[in-house]
Protein backbone atom coordinates (compact mmCIF):
# COMPACT_ATOMS: atom_id res chain seq x y z
CA MET A 1 11.48 -83.93 -62.28
CA SER A 2 8.25 -85.51 -60.98
CA LYS A 3 5.41 -83.52 -59.40
CA LYS A 4 6.24 -84.87 -55.66
CA ARG A 5 9.90 -84.20 -55.94
CA ILE A 6 9.05 -80.47 -57.13
CA LEU A 7 6.69 -79.78 -54.25
CA LEU A 8 8.77 -80.95 -51.45
CA ILE A 9 12.06 -78.47 -52.64
CA VAL A 10 9.22 -75.79 -52.41
CA THR A 11 8.45 -76.69 -49.32
CA LEU A 12 12.00 -77.24 -47.91
CA LEU A 13 12.98 -73.62 -49.56
CA ILE A 14 10.07 -71.89 -47.64
CA ILE A 15 10.75 -73.79 -44.47
CA ALA A 16 14.47 -72.46 -44.97
CA THR A 17 13.47 -68.73 -45.58
CA ALA A 18 11.19 -68.63 -42.35
CA ALA A 19 13.80 -69.83 -40.01
CA THR A 20 16.92 -67.93 -41.80
CA TYR A 21 14.12 -64.41 -41.20
CA TYR A 22 13.49 -65.57 -37.19
CA PHE A 23 17.39 -66.07 -36.98
CA TYR A 24 18.00 -62.71 -38.27
CA ASN A 25 15.04 -61.06 -36.59
CA LYS A 26 14.45 -62.57 -33.18
CA ASP A 27 16.59 -59.94 -31.47
CA GLN A 28 14.43 -57.19 -32.73
CA LEU A 29 10.88 -59.24 -32.04
CA ALA A 30 12.37 -60.03 -28.22
CA SER A 31 13.48 -56.08 -27.99
CA LYS A 32 9.65 -55.33 -29.00
CA GLU A 33 8.34 -57.52 -26.11
CA GLU A 34 10.43 -56.12 -23.64
CA GLU A 35 8.70 -52.25 -24.84
CA ALA A 36 5.75 -53.21 -24.67
CA PRO A 37 4.33 -50.46 -22.31
CA SER A 38 4.44 -50.76 -18.46
CA MET A 39 2.61 -48.94 -16.05
CA GLN A 40 4.62 -46.59 -13.75
CA VAL A 41 3.11 -45.89 -10.32
CA LEU A 42 3.06 -42.60 -8.64
CA GLN A 43 1.84 -40.99 -5.40
CA VAL A 44 -0.37 -38.03 -4.79
CA VAL A 45 1.62 -35.95 -1.91
CA LYS A 46 0.25 -32.93 0.10
CA GLN A 47 2.30 -30.03 -0.22
CA ASP A 48 2.33 -25.95 -0.72
CA LEU A 49 2.48 -24.82 -4.13
CA THR A 50 2.66 -21.48 -5.31
CA GLU A 51 1.97 -20.40 -9.09
CA VAL A 52 3.72 -17.69 -10.93
CA LEU A 53 3.69 -15.83 -14.33
CA SER A 54 7.48 -15.09 -15.33
CA THR A 55 8.64 -12.36 -17.56
CA THR A 56 11.06 -9.82 -18.04
CA GLY A 57 11.14 -5.66 -17.11
CA VAL A 58 13.55 -2.88 -16.69
CA VAL A 59 13.95 -0.80 -13.73
CA GLN A 60 13.34 2.50 -13.29
CA SER A 61 13.33 5.28 -11.10
CA SER A 62 9.19 5.65 -9.50
CA GLU A 63 10.37 9.85 -8.99
CA VAL A 64 12.11 11.43 -12.17
CA LYS A 65 12.17 15.20 -12.32
CA THR A 66 13.10 17.87 -14.74
CA VAL A 67 13.54 21.07 -13.62
CA PRO A 68 12.66 24.04 -15.85
CA THR A 69 13.37 27.52 -15.22
CA LYS A 70 10.56 29.72 -14.00
CA ILE A 71 12.27 32.97 -14.93
CA ALA A 72 14.46 34.35 -18.48
CA GLY A 73 17.94 35.13 -17.81
CA ARG A 74 21.57 34.44 -17.84
CA VAL A 75 22.92 31.41 -15.61
CA THR A 76 25.56 33.05 -13.39
CA LYS A 77 26.02 29.91 -11.08
CA LEU A 78 25.90 26.22 -11.36
CA LYS A 79 26.45 24.40 -8.50
CA VAL A 80 25.87 20.34 -9.09
CA GLU A 81 27.52 18.15 -11.67
CA ILE A 82 26.17 14.92 -13.07
CA GLY A 83 25.99 11.96 -10.58
CA ASP A 84 25.72 14.16 -7.66
CA GLU A 85 23.16 13.35 -4.69
CA VAL A 86 21.26 16.28 -3.87
CA LYS A 87 18.59 16.97 -1.05
CA GLU A 88 14.99 18.62 -1.81
CA GLY A 89 15.62 22.29 -1.62
CA ASP A 90 19.50 22.25 -2.36
CA ILE A 91 20.52 24.86 -4.76
CA LEU A 92 21.44 23.59 -8.22
CA ALA A 93 22.11 27.37 -9.82
CA SER A 94 21.48 30.75 -10.25
CA ILE A 95 20.16 33.40 -12.57
CA ASP A 96 21.18 36.77 -12.81
CA ASP A 97 19.06 39.27 -10.43
CA VAL A 98 20.72 42.57 -10.80
CA ASP A 99 17.93 44.36 -12.87
CA ILE A 100 15.15 42.64 -10.39
CA LYS A 101 16.73 44.27 -7.11
CA ILE A 102 16.92 47.54 -8.82
CA SER A 103 13.43 47.42 -10.14
CA ILE A 104 12.38 46.17 -6.42
CA GLN A 105 14.11 49.49 -5.01
CA ASP A 106 12.73 52.16 -7.46
CA LEU A 107 9.27 50.60 -6.25
CA GLU A 108 9.43 50.65 -3.06
CA ASN A 109 10.79 54.41 -3.57
CA LYS A 110 7.14 54.71 -5.17
CA ARG A 111 5.55 53.09 -2.51
CA ASN A 112 6.91 55.18 0.13
CA SER A 113 5.96 58.22 -1.21
CA ALA A 114 2.86 57.48 -1.95
CA LEU A 115 2.26 55.99 1.75
CA ASN A 116 3.70 59.73 2.70
CA LYS A 117 1.20 61.23 0.52
CA LEU A 118 -1.94 59.17 2.24
CA SER A 119 -0.93 59.67 5.57
CA SER A 120 -0.83 63.55 5.20
CA LEU A 121 -4.11 63.31 3.26
CA LYS A 122 -5.75 61.22 5.82
CA SER A 123 -4.45 63.61 8.78
CA GLU A 124 -4.84 67.02 7.00
CA GLY A 125 -7.98 66.45 4.79
CA ASN A 126 -7.82 69.23 1.73
CA ILE A 127 -5.79 71.90 3.96
CA SER A 128 -3.31 72.24 1.53
CA LEU A 129 -6.07 72.99 -1.34
CA LEU A 130 -7.39 75.40 1.17
CA ASN A 131 -4.12 76.91 1.89
CA ASN A 132 -3.58 77.41 -1.94
CA MET A 133 -6.80 79.20 -2.42
CA ASN A 134 -6.15 81.24 0.28
CA SER A 135 -2.62 82.75 -0.52
CA ALA A 136 -3.97 82.75 -4.32
CA GLN A 137 -6.78 84.83 -3.20
CA THR A 138 -4.18 87.72 -0.73
CA THR A 139 -2.12 87.43 -4.18
CA TYR A 140 -5.12 88.62 -6.34
CA GLU A 141 -6.59 91.07 -3.82
CA ASN A 142 -2.71 92.89 -3.32
CA ALA A 143 -2.67 92.72 -7.52
CA VAL A 144 -5.54 94.67 -7.31
CA GLU A 145 -4.46 97.20 -5.07
CA THR A 146 -1.38 97.87 -6.97
CA TYR A 147 -3.04 98.22 -10.24
CA GLU A 148 -5.71 100.70 -8.74
CA ASN A 149 -3.02 102.70 -7.00
CA ASN A 150 -0.75 102.76 -10.53
CA LYS A 151 -3.90 104.33 -11.87
CA VAL A 152 -3.74 106.88 -10.21
CA LEU A 153 0.02 107.31 -10.33
CA TYR A 154 -0.42 107.15 -13.95
CA GLU A 155 -3.25 110.19 -14.09
CA VAL A 156 -0.90 112.21 -12.32
CA GLY A 157 1.98 111.67 -14.79
CA SER A 158 4.13 109.67 -12.25
CA ILE A 159 4.21 106.44 -13.94
CA SER A 160 4.56 105.55 -17.72
CA LYS A 161 1.81 103.27 -19.71
CA HIS A 162 4.05 100.38 -19.61
CA GLU A 163 4.01 100.25 -15.86
CA LEU A 164 0.57 100.21 -16.01
CA ASP A 165 -0.07 97.73 -18.25
CA LYS A 166 2.08 95.61 -16.38
CA SER A 167 0.16 95.75 -13.11
CA ALA A 168 -2.99 95.14 -14.85
CA GLU A 169 -1.14 91.84 -16.18
CA ALA A 170 -0.30 90.94 -12.74
CA LYS A 171 -3.89 91.33 -12.02
CA ASN A 172 -5.40 89.40 -14.47
CA LYS A 173 -2.80 86.54 -14.04
CA ALA A 174 -3.41 86.65 -10.16
CA ASN A 175 -7.06 86.34 -10.97
CA ASP A 176 -6.63 83.52 -13.06
CA ASP A 177 -4.66 81.71 -10.50
CA PHE A 178 -7.21 82.67 -7.30
CA ASP A 179 -10.10 80.96 -9.73
CA LEU A 180 -8.15 77.81 -10.25
CA ALA A 181 -7.15 77.47 -6.66
CA LYS A 182 -10.84 77.74 -5.72
CA THR A 183 -12.06 75.24 -8.50
CA LYS A 184 -9.78 72.55 -6.98
CA HIS A 185 -10.51 73.12 -3.97
CA GLU A 186 -14.45 73.12 -4.55
CA ALA A 187 -14.02 70.00 -6.60
CA PHE A 188 -11.87 68.08 -4.41
CA ASN A 189 -13.13 64.75 -2.93
CA ILE A 190 -11.47 64.00 -0.02
CA ASP A 191 -12.54 60.12 -0.06
CA GLN A 192 -12.15 59.53 -3.73
CA GLU A 193 -8.78 61.21 -3.21
CA ILE A 194 -7.87 58.37 -0.54
CA ALA A 195 -9.05 55.69 -3.14
CA LEU A 196 -6.81 56.45 -5.54
CA LEU A 197 -3.89 56.52 -3.36
CA GLU A 198 -4.48 53.48 -1.75
CA ASP A 199 -5.44 51.60 -5.40
CA ASP A 200 -1.89 52.81 -6.70
CA ILE A 201 -0.31 51.28 -3.25
CA THR A 202 -1.94 48.43 -3.79
CA LEU A 203 -0.82 48.01 -7.78
CA ILE A 204 2.77 48.90 -6.41
CA GLU A 205 3.02 46.34 -3.97
CA THR A 206 1.69 43.71 -5.94
CA ASN A 207 4.40 44.61 -8.52
CA ILE A 208 6.85 44.21 -5.66
CA ARG A 209 5.78 40.99 -4.70
CA LEU A 210 6.04 39.87 -7.95
CA LEU A 211 9.38 40.63 -8.27
CA GLU A 212 10.35 39.16 -5.21
CA GLN A 213 9.11 36.21 -6.49
CA ASP A 214 11.45 36.58 -9.51
CA LEU A 215 14.02 37.28 -7.15
CA GLU A 216 13.25 33.71 -5.53
CA ASP A 217 12.85 32.15 -8.88
CA ALA A 218 16.45 33.57 -9.87
CA ILE A 219 17.32 30.50 -7.72
CA ILE A 220 16.86 26.96 -8.95
CA ASN A 221 16.13 24.10 -6.46
CA SER A 222 15.94 20.42 -6.43
CA PRO A 223 12.00 19.53 -5.92
CA ILE A 224 13.15 16.18 -4.92
CA SER A 225 16.09 14.27 -3.01
CA GLY A 226 17.74 12.20 -5.73
CA VAL A 227 20.88 12.04 -8.15
CA ILE A 228 22.01 14.17 -10.44
CA THR A 229 21.21 12.33 -14.12
CA ASP A 230 21.50 15.05 -16.88
CA ILE A 231 22.00 18.78 -16.71
CA LYS A 232 20.87 20.73 -19.78
CA ILE A 233 22.94 24.07 -18.70
CA SER A 234 26.12 25.90 -18.48
CA GLU A 235 27.36 28.76 -16.78
CA GLY A 236 26.69 31.90 -19.11
CA ASP A 237 24.33 30.27 -20.85
CA PHE A 238 20.94 32.56 -21.28
CA VAL A 239 17.74 30.76 -20.75
CA GLN A 240 14.27 31.08 -21.52
CA GLN A 241 11.30 30.94 -18.82
CA ASN A 242 10.56 27.07 -18.84
CA SER A 243 13.82 26.27 -20.15
CA LYS A 244 14.68 22.44 -18.84
CA THR A 245 17.65 22.76 -17.06
CA PHE A 246 18.43 19.56 -14.49
CA GLU A 247 16.85 16.06 -14.11
CA ILE A 248 16.99 14.45 -10.98
CA LYS A 249 16.00 10.79 -10.62
CA ASP A 250 14.83 9.31 -6.87
CA LEU A 251 16.90 6.08 -6.76
CA GLN A 252 15.33 5.49 -3.22
CA THR A 253 12.13 4.43 -4.65
CA LEU A 254 12.36 1.99 -7.62
CA GLU A 255 9.75 0.27 -9.98
CA VAL A 256 10.26 -2.31 -12.76
CA GLU A 257 7.94 -1.58 -16.04
CA ALA A 258 7.06 -4.77 -17.66
CA PHE A 259 4.57 -5.51 -20.85
CA ILE A 260 2.09 -8.36 -20.03
CA SER A 261 0.46 -10.47 -23.18
CA GLU A 262 -3.32 -9.84 -23.77
CA TYR A 263 -3.14 -13.36 -23.21
CA ASP A 264 -1.87 -13.32 -19.29
CA ILE A 265 -2.95 -10.06 -18.40
CA SER A 266 -6.12 -11.40 -16.75
CA LYS A 267 -4.11 -13.06 -14.14
CA ILE A 268 -2.70 -9.87 -12.88
CA SER A 269 -4.32 -7.67 -10.18
CA LEU A 270 -3.20 -4.83 -7.93
CA ASN A 271 -1.25 -6.02 -5.17
CA GLN A 272 0.25 -9.12 -6.35
CA GLU A 273 3.79 -10.05 -4.60
CA VAL A 274 6.36 -9.93 -7.52
CA ILE A 275 9.80 -11.36 -6.80
CA VAL A 276 12.49 -9.34 -8.76
CA THR A 277 15.51 -10.41 -10.04
CA ALA A 278 18.41 -8.42 -11.83
CA LEU A 279 19.62 -9.95 -15.10
CA GLY A 280 23.05 -8.96 -14.21
CA ASN A 281 23.12 -10.30 -10.79
CA ARG A 282 20.98 -13.74 -9.90
CA ASP A 283 22.33 -13.84 -6.39
CA LYS A 284 19.70 -11.61 -5.14
CA ASP A 285 16.06 -11.00 -5.11
CA TYR A 286 14.13 -8.27 -4.19
CA VAL A 287 10.60 -8.09 -2.95
CA GLY A 288 7.87 -6.26 -5.45
CA VAL A 289 4.55 -5.28 -5.61
CA VAL A 290 1.60 -4.70 -8.59
CA THR A 291 1.12 -1.01 -8.29
CA LYS A 292 -0.48 0.13 -11.75
CA ILE A 293 -1.84 -1.88 -14.50
CA TYR A 294 -2.61 0.71 -17.47
CA PRO A 295 -6.42 0.50 -18.87
CA SER A 296 -5.38 -0.03 -22.43
CA ALA A 297 -3.06 -2.25 -24.69
CA GLU A 298 0.31 -1.39 -26.49
CA ILE A 299 1.50 -3.07 -29.87
CA VAL A 300 4.56 -4.47 -28.78
CA GLY A 301 6.55 -6.90 -31.73
CA GLY A 302 3.40 -6.99 -33.38
CA GLU A 303 1.44 -8.66 -30.06
CA ALA A 304 -0.89 -6.77 -27.83
CA THR A 305 0.67 -6.25 -24.11
CA VAL A 306 -0.19 -4.12 -21.33
CA LYS A 307 2.11 -2.02 -19.42
CA VAL A 308 2.33 -2.80 -15.36
CA LEU A 309 4.12 -1.17 -13.05
CA ILE A 310 5.56 -2.78 -9.82
CA ASP A 311 7.22 -0.79 -7.07
CA ILE A 312 10.20 -2.56 -5.51
CA LYS A 313 10.25 -2.42 -1.65
CA ASP A 314 13.70 -2.99 -0.90
CA GLU A 315 16.46 -0.16 -1.34
CA ASP A 316 19.79 -1.60 -2.45
CA LYS A 317 22.52 0.94 -4.25
CA ASP A 318 23.54 -2.26 -6.37
CA LEU A 319 20.04 -2.22 -8.08
CA LEU A 320 19.92 0.84 -10.57
CA PRO A 321 17.57 2.22 -13.86
CA ASN A 322 17.71 0.70 -16.60
CA PHE A 323 18.87 -2.72 -15.14
CA ASN A 324 16.72 -5.17 -16.73
CA ALA A 325 14.93 -7.65 -14.33
CA ALA A 326 13.41 -10.94 -14.33
CA LEU A 327 9.73 -11.02 -12.82
CA GLU A 328 7.81 -13.71 -11.26
CA ILE A 329 4.72 -12.55 -10.45
CA ILE A 330 2.91 -14.54 -7.78
CA ILE A 331 -0.65 -15.81 -9.27
CA ASN A 332 -1.87 -17.58 -6.70
CA LYS A 333 -0.85 -19.94 -3.56
CA VAL A 334 -2.23 -22.75 -1.73
CA GLU A 335 -1.12 -24.58 1.13
CA ASN A 336 -1.36 -28.34 1.71
CA ALA A 337 -2.87 -29.15 -1.58
CA PHE A 338 -3.01 -32.48 -3.27
CA VAL A 339 -0.29 -32.78 -6.17
CA ILE A 340 0.83 -34.64 -8.69
CA PRO A 341 3.18 -34.11 -11.49
CA TYR A 342 2.32 -32.66 -14.80
CA GLU A 343 2.71 -36.11 -16.54
CA ALA A 344 0.35 -37.69 -14.76
CA LEU A 345 -2.52 -35.66 -15.47
CA VAL A 346 -4.49 -36.46 -18.59
CA SER A 347 -6.67 -34.27 -20.69
CA ILE A 348 -10.21 -35.44 -21.63
CA ARG A 349 -12.85 -34.30 -24.01
CA GLU A 350 -14.03 -30.84 -23.33
CA GLY A 351 -11.57 -29.69 -21.42
CA LYS A 352 -11.72 -31.89 -18.12
CA HIS A 353 -8.95 -33.68 -16.78
CA GLY A 354 -8.36 -36.83 -15.15
CA ILE A 355 -6.04 -39.38 -13.56
CA MET A 356 -5.86 -43.25 -14.27
CA ILE A 357 -5.91 -45.43 -10.89
CA LYS A 358 -6.07 -49.20 -10.33
CA ASP A 359 -10.05 -49.95 -9.59
CA GLY A 360 -9.16 -53.82 -8.13
CA GLU A 361 -7.85 -55.15 -11.42
CA GLU A 362 -9.18 -52.95 -13.82
CA MET A 363 -7.86 -49.59 -14.82
CA ARG A 364 -10.27 -46.61 -14.77
CA MET A 365 -9.96 -43.00 -15.44
CA LEU A 366 -10.78 -40.53 -12.21
CA PRO A 367 -11.93 -37.19 -13.21
CA VAL A 368 -10.51 -34.31 -11.25
CA GLU A 369 -10.65 -30.61 -10.98
CA THR A 370 -6.95 -28.56 -11.60
CA GLY A 371 -6.51 -25.90 -9.11
CA VAL A 372 -2.85 -23.81 -8.49
CA ARG A 373 -0.35 -24.57 -11.16
CA GLY A 374 3.37 -24.61 -9.96
CA ASP A 375 6.76 -25.69 -11.69
CA MET A 376 6.41 -29.52 -12.25
CA HIS A 377 3.34 -30.19 -10.16
CA ILE A 378 -0.19 -29.23 -10.15
CA GLN A 379 -2.77 -29.29 -7.72
CA VAL A 380 -5.65 -31.88 -7.89
CA ILE A 381 -9.03 -31.87 -6.69
CA SER A 382 -11.17 -35.04 -6.37
CA ASP A 383 -13.00 -36.40 -2.68
CA GLU A 384 -11.77 -39.99 -3.89
CA ILE A 385 -7.52 -38.77 -3.49
CA ASN A 386 -5.76 -38.56 -0.38
CA GLU A 387 -2.16 -38.89 0.27
CA GLY A 388 -0.53 -41.41 -0.82
CA PHE A 389 -2.92 -42.18 -3.37
CA GLU A 390 -1.92 -44.21 -6.22
CA VAL A 391 -2.01 -42.57 -9.97
CA TYR A 392 -0.67 -44.78 -13.04
CA ILE A 393 0.77 -43.56 -15.89
CA LYS A 394 2.42 -45.40 -19.25
CA SER A 395 6.15 -45.32 -18.71
CA THR A 396 6.86 -45.64 -22.49
CA GLU A 397 7.76 -42.17 -23.96
CA ASP A 398 6.20 -43.47 -27.40
CA GLU A 399 3.07 -44.72 -26.29
CA GLN A 400 2.46 -41.77 -24.01
CA THR A 401 -0.84 -40.06 -24.24
CA VAL A 402 -0.76 -37.74 -21.45
CA ARG A 403 -1.46 -34.01 -22.08
CA VAL A 404 -0.43 -31.54 -20.26
CA PRO A 405 -2.94 -28.67 -19.53
CA GLY A 406 -1.16 -25.35 -20.99
CA MET A 407 1.13 -27.26 -23.16
CA MET A 408 1.29 -28.42 -26.88
CA PRO A 409 0.87 -32.08 -26.95
CA GLY A 410 4.27 -33.88 -27.06
CA ILE A 411 5.93 -31.13 -24.85
CA ALA A 412 6.93 -31.46 -21.56
CA PRO A 413 6.71 -28.99 -18.82
CA SER A 414 9.08 -26.74 -18.44
CA SER A 415 11.60 -27.62 -15.78
CA GLY A 416 12.42 -24.99 -12.73
CA GLY A 417 12.37 -24.79 -9.05
CA GLY A 418 10.19 -27.76 -8.68
CA GLY A 419 6.68 -28.10 -7.25
CA GLY A 420 6.76 -27.22 -3.66
CA GLY A 421 6.63 -24.46 -2.24
CA GLY A 422 9.08 -22.90 -4.63
CA ARG A 423 8.66 -20.44 -7.27
CA GLY A 424 7.58 -21.44 -10.59
CA LYS A 425 6.38 -20.85 -14.25
CA THR A 426 3.00 -20.72 -15.41
CA PRO A 427 2.27 -22.14 -18.47
CA SER A 428 1.78 -19.19 -20.97
CA THR A 429 -1.33 -20.46 -22.79
CA SER A 430 -4.27 -21.42 -20.93
CA PRO A 431 -5.78 -25.34 -21.26
């Protein structure tokens, strides 16, 4: 075969191969031409925007009281059951008080006797001691006279020696009694005696007051208005002092306990408004406010979190302690702000942001400041922006270069309540 013939055959094969490739791939080539990135035009709009931090928490009573016994004793009466509503001061139970009442009566008798003695002492002074001394002196003088007479009678043989000795003993005893009465009279200090009696009376009255307090403490009263949620005693039980008896929760003052991540706690401040929704009833919202931010973090599930308490302002019997609740903590609000969808915002170097605009026939990046972040929209700030301002983004996802602040590349913002004045979820990671 000649060289010209071989060259012709090779050329024809190449042309055939190329034609075949084009025929079988022309649809794909046309499709790729159609997929060439095109620009989508969005407009800057003006609207209110709310930024929220979404989390969950547990409803609890803001006031829980565990009622202790103040005295030891046997429980004689139990007046409530679990679930009963009580008012502050209501009687919950009583402890046996019979011995206390007997002790009070004994002390009152002693006090009355001491008071009578004090009154007599103040009005009469030491008259009783003087009377005792005078009486003892008279008795002694009579005994001396009897002894002297008996001596004469003994000498003449009218009485026996035994009778004489007996009168001598009576004289000596009368003398001793007179000396003792005289010593007491002379040593008596009326002011000191009055002071001692008054001290005794004061001590007795103090003990009476303590027992009267015990008598009051034998009645166990509710310290708050609320609902009995636990009873730890039964009738007939002997309880020690400070034994736990009842748990009472005030269901009219509820709060939510939440744990905020260390990455988000800087966004939380006191008095921030919170929308509370019970997970079991999404149809009703409650208004709350942040009332306490704990000063130290706790480790929960390996993550450092800070406990926050949120008071619920609405009263509702359908909301109960231990309910799980969804929380939307309002971080920031703005009115009449220029906003764009997140996908229109472009992340550029060093944490800066911009939007793509058309300047004449050319496209250029306009740097912007960002503000409040809503669910689907974000506030943008620039002197060049006005309402209706056009922003360009690539419409093909494969070619998308947009990075939403606070989101990982390729992750779209979460859907939810929309931009506007609706409630939204703020991104969990800072840009």
